[in-house]
Protein backbone atom coordinates (compact mmCIF):
# COMPACT_ATOMS: atom_id res chain seq x y z
CA MET A 1 -54.01 184.71 58.04
CA LYS A 2 -55.92 181.50 58.74
CA LEU A 3 -54.78 180.17 55.38
CA LYS A 4 -51.12 180.72 56.39
CA PHE A 5 -51.68 178.77 59.61
CA ILE A 6 -53.41 175.97 57.71
CA MET A 7 -50.57 175.78 55.16
CA ALA A 8 -47.97 175.80 57.94
CA GLY A 9 -49.81 172.96 59.71
CA VAL A 10 -50.01 170.90 56.48
CA LEU A 11 -46.30 171.38 55.78
CA ALA A 12 -45.46 170.42 59.36
CA CYS A 13 -47.54 167.23 59.06
CA ILE A 14 -45.88 166.35 55.76
CA GLY A 15 -42.45 166.90 57.34
CA VAL A 16 -43.25 164.69 60.38
CA THR A 17 -44.72 161.93 58.13
CA ALA A 18 -41.69 161.98 55.83
CA GLN A 19 -39.34 161.79 58.81
CA ALA A 20 -41.34 158.83 60.24
CA LEU A 21 -41.21 157.01 56.89
CA GLU A 22 -37.49 157.65 56.64
CA THR A 23 -36.99 156.26 60.15
CA ASN A 24 -38.98 153.12 59.43
CA THR A 25 -37.22 152.40 56.13
CA GLU A 26 -34.19 150.13 56.45
CA GLU A 27 -31.37 151.69 54.50
CA PRO A 28 -29.39 149.35 52.23
CA LYS A 29 -25.88 148.81 53.52
CA GLY A 30 -22.90 146.60 52.89
CA LYS A 31 -19.78 145.40 54.66
CA ALA A 32 -16.50 143.86 53.62
CA ILE A 33 -15.57 140.37 54.78
CA VAL A 34 -11.89 139.79 55.56
CA GLN A 35 -10.62 136.78 57.54
CA VAL A 36 -7.06 135.50 57.60
CA PHE A 37 -5.89 132.31 59.38
CA GLY A 38 -2.19 131.73 59.95
CA ASN A 39 0.12 129.89 62.33
CA PHE A 40 3.64 129.08 63.39
CA HIS A 41 4.16 125.47 64.44
CA THR A 42 6.88 123.06 65.34
CA GLY A 43 6.87 119.33 65.96
CA PHE A 44 8.82 117.37 68.58
CA GLY A 45 10.48 113.97 68.54
CA VAL A 46 9.56 112.06 65.34
CA GLU A 47 7.91 115.25 64.02
CA ASN A 48 10.88 117.49 64.73
CA ASP A 49 11.32 118.40 61.05
CA ASP A 50 7.71 119.70 60.74
CA ARG A 51 8.05 123.38 61.51
CA GLY A 52 7.52 126.78 59.97
CA PHE A 53 5.11 129.64 59.33
CA GLU A 54 1.90 128.84 57.50
CA MET A 55 -0.86 130.88 55.91
CA GLU A 56 -3.71 128.38 56.16
CA ARG A 57 -6.61 130.24 54.66
CA SER A 58 -7.98 133.66 53.71
CA TYR A 59 -11.57 134.68 53.15
CA LEU A 60 -12.23 137.82 51.15
CA GLY A 61 -15.72 138.98 50.25
CA TYR A 62 -18.60 141.38 50.58
CA GLU A 63 -22.09 141.19 52.06
CA TYR A 64 -24.88 143.59 51.15
CA ASN A 65 -28.15 144.12 52.99
CA PHE A 66 -30.88 145.35 50.65
CA GLY A 67 -33.39 145.78 53.45
CA LYS A 68 -36.66 143.90 54.18
CA GLY A 69 -34.70 140.75 55.07
CA LEU A 70 -32.92 140.39 51.72
CA THR A 71 -29.10 140.03 51.71
CA ALA A 72 -26.49 138.87 49.21
CA LYS A 73 -23.01 137.59 49.99
CA ALA A 74 -20.00 136.62 47.89
CA VAL A 75 -16.80 135.18 49.47
CA MET A 76 -13.53 134.02 47.97
CA ASP A 77 -11.64 131.21 49.73
CA ILE A 78 -7.88 131.28 49.22
CA GLY A 79 -6.19 128.20 50.66
CA LYS A 80 -3.89 125.25 50.07
CA SER A 81 -4.25 122.50 47.54
CA SER A 82 -5.19 119.07 48.89
CA SER A 83 -2.31 117.60 46.88
CA VAL A 84 0.82 117.20 49.01
CA ASP A 85 2.99 117.97 45.96
CA ASP A 86 1.27 121.29 45.23
CA TYR A 87 2.43 124.25 47.32
CA GLN A 88 0.59 126.90 45.31
CA ARG A 89 -2.23 128.99 46.73
CA ILE A 90 -5.61 128.06 45.17
CA ALA A 91 -8.63 130.38 45.11
CA TYR A 92 -12.21 129.14 45.16
CA ILE A 93 -15.59 130.84 45.35
CA LYS A 94 -16.78 129.79 48.80
CA ASN A 95 -20.12 131.62 48.84
CA ALA A 96 -22.20 133.31 46.16
CA MET A 97 -25.63 133.39 47.73
CA VAL A 98 -28.85 135.27 48.36
CA SER A 99 -30.69 135.05 51.66
CA TRP A 100 -34.18 136.18 52.66
CA LYS A 101 -35.42 136.29 56.25
CA ASN A 102 -38.99 137.01 57.21
CA GLY A 103 -39.91 136.42 60.84
CA SER A 104 -39.18 132.80 61.69
CA LEU A 105 -38.47 131.78 58.07
CA THR A 106 -35.03 131.91 56.40
CA LEU A 107 -34.33 130.99 52.74
CA ASN A 108 -30.89 130.60 51.19
CA GLY A 109 -29.97 129.96 47.58
CA GLY A 110 -26.81 129.74 45.45
CA LEU A 111 -23.41 128.61 46.61
CA ILE A 112 -24.47 128.40 50.25
CA SER A 113 -23.03 127.28 53.59
CA THR A 114 -24.18 123.74 54.35
CA THR A 115 -25.99 122.78 57.54
CA GLN A 116 -24.27 119.46 58.25
CA PHE A 117 -21.80 120.82 60.80
CA ASN A 118 -22.23 124.61 60.68
CA PHE A 119 -23.93 124.60 64.08
CA GLN A 120 -21.14 122.59 65.74
CA GLU A 121 -18.48 124.80 64.17
CA LYS A 122 -20.05 127.96 65.59
CA PHE A 123 -20.47 126.35 69.02
CA TRP A 124 -16.81 125.23 69.03
CA GLY A 125 -15.88 128.83 68.23
CA TYR A 126 -12.23 128.35 67.30
CA ARG A 127 -12.42 127.57 63.60
CA TYR A 128 -9.14 129.37 62.88
CA ILE A 129 -7.35 127.02 65.27
CA MET A 130 -8.91 123.78 64.06
CA LYS A 131 -11.91 122.80 61.98
CA SER A 132 -14.83 121.08 63.65
CA PHE A 133 -14.78 117.24 63.62
CA GLN A 134 -16.77 116.56 60.45
CA ASP A 135 -14.91 119.21 58.47
CA GLU A 136 -11.51 118.09 59.76
CA TYR A 137 -12.05 114.44 58.81
CA LYS A 138 -13.96 115.03 55.53
CA PHE A 139 -17.42 113.86 56.53
CA GLY A 140 -18.87 116.57 54.29
CA SER A 141 -18.32 119.95 52.68
CA SER A 142 -18.82 123.34 54.39
CA ALA A 143 -20.42 124.87 51.27
CA ASP A 144 -22.23 123.64 48.17
CA LEU A 145 -24.53 124.77 45.37
CA GLY A 146 -28.23 124.50 46.18
CA VAL A 147 -30.97 125.78 48.47
CA SER A 148 -31.84 125.60 52.17
CA VAL A 149 -34.83 126.50 54.31
CA ALA A 150 -34.90 127.05 58.05
CA TYR A 151 -37.89 127.70 60.30
CA LYS A 152 -38.06 128.50 64.00
CA PHE A 153 -41.28 126.97 65.31
CA ALA A 154 -40.78 128.18 68.90
CA ASP A 155 -37.99 129.41 71.15
CA TRP A 156 -37.08 125.82 71.96
CA ILE A 157 -37.28 124.17 68.53
CA SER A 158 -36.20 124.93 64.95
CA SER A 159 -35.65 122.84 61.84
CA ASP A 160 -33.83 123.11 58.53
CA VAL A 161 -33.85 121.35 55.16
CA ILE A 162 -31.09 121.53 52.57
CA ILE A 163 -30.73 120.21 48.98
CA VAL A 164 -27.36 120.68 47.28
CA ASN A 165 -25.26 119.05 44.58
CA GLY A 166 -23.26 117.02 47.09
CA GLU A 167 -19.83 117.65 45.57
CA GLY A 168 -18.78 120.69 47.58
CA TYR A 169 -17.68 124.10 46.43
CA LYS A 170 -14.32 123.12 44.94
CA LYS A 171 -15.78 120.96 42.16
CA ILE A 172 -18.24 121.55 39.33
CA GLN A 173 -21.36 119.40 39.22
CA ILE A 174 -20.25 116.15 37.55
CA ASN A 175 -22.67 113.56 38.93
CA ASP A 176 -26.44 113.82 38.66
CA GLY A 177 -27.09 112.84 42.29
CA LEU A 178 -28.10 115.31 44.99
CA ASN A 179 -27.36 115.64 48.70
CA TYR A 180 -30.38 115.94 51.00
CA GLY A 181 -30.20 116.98 54.65
CA LEU A 182 -32.63 117.44 57.51
CA GLY A 183 -31.69 119.01 60.83
CA VAL A 184 -33.48 119.74 64.10
CA THR A 185 -32.17 122.04 66.85
CA LEU A 186 -33.61 121.89 70.36
CA THR A 187 -33.10 124.34 73.24
CA PRO A 188 -34.94 122.75 76.19
CA VAL A 189 -33.45 125.24 78.68
CA LYS A 190 -31.48 128.43 78.23
CA GLY A 191 -27.91 127.73 77.17
CA PHE A 192 -28.42 123.99 76.60
CA GLN A 193 -28.74 122.94 72.94
CA ILE A 194 -29.24 119.64 71.11
CA ARG A 195 -28.63 119.24 67.39
CA LEU A 196 -29.70 116.22 65.27
CA TYR A 197 -28.89 115.90 61.56
CA GLY A 198 -29.32 113.23 58.91
CA GLY A 199 -28.14 113.38 55.33
CA LEU A 200 -28.24 111.30 52.14
CA ASN A 201 -25.78 111.95 49.28
CA GLU A 202 -26.96 110.09 46.21
CA SER A 203 -24.65 108.03 44.01
CA VAL A 204 -25.57 107.53 40.37
CA GLU A 205 -22.56 105.42 39.36
CA GLU A 206 -22.98 101.68 38.94
CA GLY A 207 -21.33 99.77 41.80
CA LYS A 208 -21.29 102.79 44.08
CA LYS A 209 -23.41 103.36 47.20
CA ASP A 210 -25.20 106.39 48.61
CA ILE A 211 -23.32 108.21 51.37
CA VAL A 212 -25.35 108.44 54.58
CA ASN A 213 -24.49 110.82 57.42
CA LEU A 214 -25.80 110.99 60.98
CA ALA A 215 -24.67 113.72 63.35
CA THR A 216 -25.69 114.31 66.97
CA PHE A 217 -24.56 117.15 69.26
CA MET A 218 -25.23 118.38 72.76
CA GLY A 219 -23.74 121.48 74.32
CA TYR A 220 -24.14 123.99 77.11
CA LYS A 221 -22.94 127.57 76.84
CA HIS A 222 -22.64 129.94 79.80
CA GLU A 223 -21.17 133.47 79.85
CA LYS A 224 -18.15 132.03 81.72
CA PHE A 225 -17.71 128.63 80.06
CA SER A 226 -18.96 126.23 77.37
CA ILE A 227 -18.86 122.48 76.89
CA GLY A 228 -19.96 120.39 73.89
CA ALA A 229 -19.87 116.82 72.63
CA GLU A 230 -20.71 115.37 69.23
CA TYR A 231 -20.95 111.89 67.74
CA ASN A 232 -20.82 111.37 63.96
CA GLN A 233 -21.34 108.34 61.72
CA MET A 234 -20.79 108.11 57.96
CA TRP A 235 -21.62 105.10 55.83
CA ASN A 236 -20.04 104.46 52.43
CA ALA A 237 -17.41 107.22 52.37
CA SER A 238 -16.58 108.38 48.85
CA TYR A 239 -19.54 106.23 47.69
CA ASN A 240 -17.62 103.00 48.47
CA ASP A 241 -19.63 100.12 49.90
CA GLY A 242 -18.61 99.32 53.45
CA ALA A 243 -16.29 102.28 53.82
CA ASP A 244 -17.90 103.36 57.11
CA GLN A 245 -16.44 105.83 59.61
CA ASN A 246 -17.46 107.09 63.00
CA GLY A 247 -16.06 109.21 65.77
CA TYR A 248 -16.67 111.74 68.46
CA SER A 249 -15.38 115.10 69.61
CA ILE A 250 -15.51 116.63 73.11
CA PHE A 251 -14.51 120.24 73.70
CA ALA A 252 -14.72 122.92 76.36
CA SER A 253 -13.64 126.50 77.00
CA VAL A 254 -13.39 128.77 80.04
CA LYS A 255 -13.44 132.59 79.89
CA LEU A 256 -10.68 133.95 82.11
CA SER A 257 -11.26 137.64 81.30
CA LYS A 258 -12.53 139.88 78.53
CA VAL A 259 -9.41 139.13 76.48
CA ALA A 260 -8.34 135.62 77.51
CA ASP A 261 -9.83 132.11 77.19
CA LEU A 262 -8.69 128.54 77.89
CA TYR A 263 -9.87 125.72 75.60
CA ALA A 264 -9.44 121.98 75.23
CA ARG A 265 -10.61 119.35 72.76
CA TYR A 266 -10.36 115.62 72.20
CA ASP A 267 -11.24 113.84 68.93
CA ASP A 268 -11.39 110.11 68.18
CA LEU A 269 -11.84 108.75 64.65
CA TYR A 270 -12.47 105.11 63.67
CA SER A 271 -13.06 103.24 60.39
CA ASN A 272 -14.99 100.02 59.92
CA ASP A 273 -12.68 96.98 59.73
CA ASP A 274 -9.73 99.43 59.78
CA TRP A 275 -10.12 100.22 56.07
CA ASN A 276 -8.83 103.74 56.75
CA ILE A 277 -6.36 102.80 59.51
CA ALA A 278 -3.63 104.99 58.03
CA LYS A 279 -5.69 108.07 58.86
CA ASP A 280 -7.57 106.85 61.94
CA GLU A 281 -6.39 108.70 65.04
CA ALA A 282 -7.16 110.33 68.35
CA LEU A 283 -6.20 113.96 68.77
CA ALA A 284 -5.92 116.14 71.88
CA ILE A 285 -5.45 119.90 71.97
CA LEU A 286 -4.99 122.30 74.88
CA GLY A 287 -4.41 126.04 74.59
CA ALA A 288 -5.31 129.67 75.31
CA GLN A 289 -6.67 132.51 73.25
CA PHE A 290 -5.83 136.20 73.64
CA LYS A 291 -7.70 139.00 71.92
CA LEU A 292 -5.43 141.83 70.84
CA GLY A 293 -7.99 144.53 70.18
CA LYS A 294 -11.12 144.11 68.08
CA TYR A 295 -9.71 142.35 65.00
CA VAL A 296 -6.77 140.19 66.12
CA LYS A 297 -6.61 136.93 68.08
CA ILE A 298 -3.55 134.86 69.02
CA ALA A 299 -3.89 131.30 70.30
CA PRO A 300 -0.88 129.29 71.53
CA ASN A 301 -1.66 125.58 71.90
CA PHE A 302 -0.18 122.11 72.27
CA ARG A 303 -1.38 119.08 70.31
CA MET A 304 -0.89 115.35 70.53
CA SER A 305 -1.76 113.07 67.64
CA MET A 306 -2.23 109.37 68.43
CA PRO A 307 -2.37 107.31 65.20
CA LYS A 308 -4.08 103.91 65.39
CA ALA A 309 -1.88 102.18 62.82
CA ASP A 310 0.54 99.67 64.30
CA GLY A 311 4.08 100.90 64.75
CA VAL A 312 3.27 104.60 64.22
CA LYS A 313 4.45 106.79 67.11
CA ASN A 314 2.46 109.62 68.63
CA GLY A 315 3.12 113.11 67.27
CA TYR A 316 3.63 116.17 69.47
CA TYR A 317 3.28 119.73 68.24
CA ALA A 318 3.32 123.32 69.50
CA TYR A 319 1.27 125.90 67.58
CA VAL A 320 0.69 129.60 67.70
CA ASN A 321 -2.43 130.29 65.64
CA CYS A 322 -3.30 133.82 64.54
CA TYR A 323 -6.52 135.37 63.30
CA PHE A 324 -7.28 138.71 61.69
CA GLY A 325 -10.76 139.56 60.58
CA PHE A 326 -13.73 141.89 60.44
């Protein structure tokens, strides 16, 4: 009889231990990545002929969490060609990466998201409406092949280092130079963040210069509103000596309700000695965002483009941007 009680107790202990182990073990799991950006737009005045529906970009992929901080992600980017004469959809591999996080340390390797303006893009929060300043004006690429390391030293300071090819995710590695970046993020008080970033993209061709990037950002985010400002400087764009550019972006948003926001943004882009005057401009955008359920967003907005070239008139546009994703 005692033996039966002993055996029952042993079995019960084994059962409890197994259940505890099962509870503490992180089960591997995956999720699909689907994001679609589209819009309808029309110009006014000199831009009256610029109108129509547009499918700007689609991201399709999958992310898998193996447990113990290890994840893998692969994403396909389907977008437009940069050539004005090419109207075909072009597909690229945007991400093919492995990440490992252990406490305050995060490691990324493969075709990874870069750190040059990723922080600003997330703070801006309306990527499907318009890219962040550096992405919009080609100060760098949003993804590249290489490795990055990030470490959170304390609640108020973290830092990251990245080494990538420097040619983006749409090109194979042709040059032997590398792109190095160092970033520091400060949070002196809750909601207020400062971001500093410096980068060097090596040139190995004779007669070409290294590209140097400097980015600064300050922003405050509250549950009811957010405001941010960034200043960016790039020396030797496209590895050309003296092809320097700089500019700033100021943006803000106000939460009206659980499903509605107002947002505004102003960009200003300059080039040294007007070498890029044909593309230098100021841009203003004002609009609203409405969330239609969990996966759909619609954002009507008005835009004014103010080119800096002599004799070029301002452009006025109305957009309705749409987002679907999970």
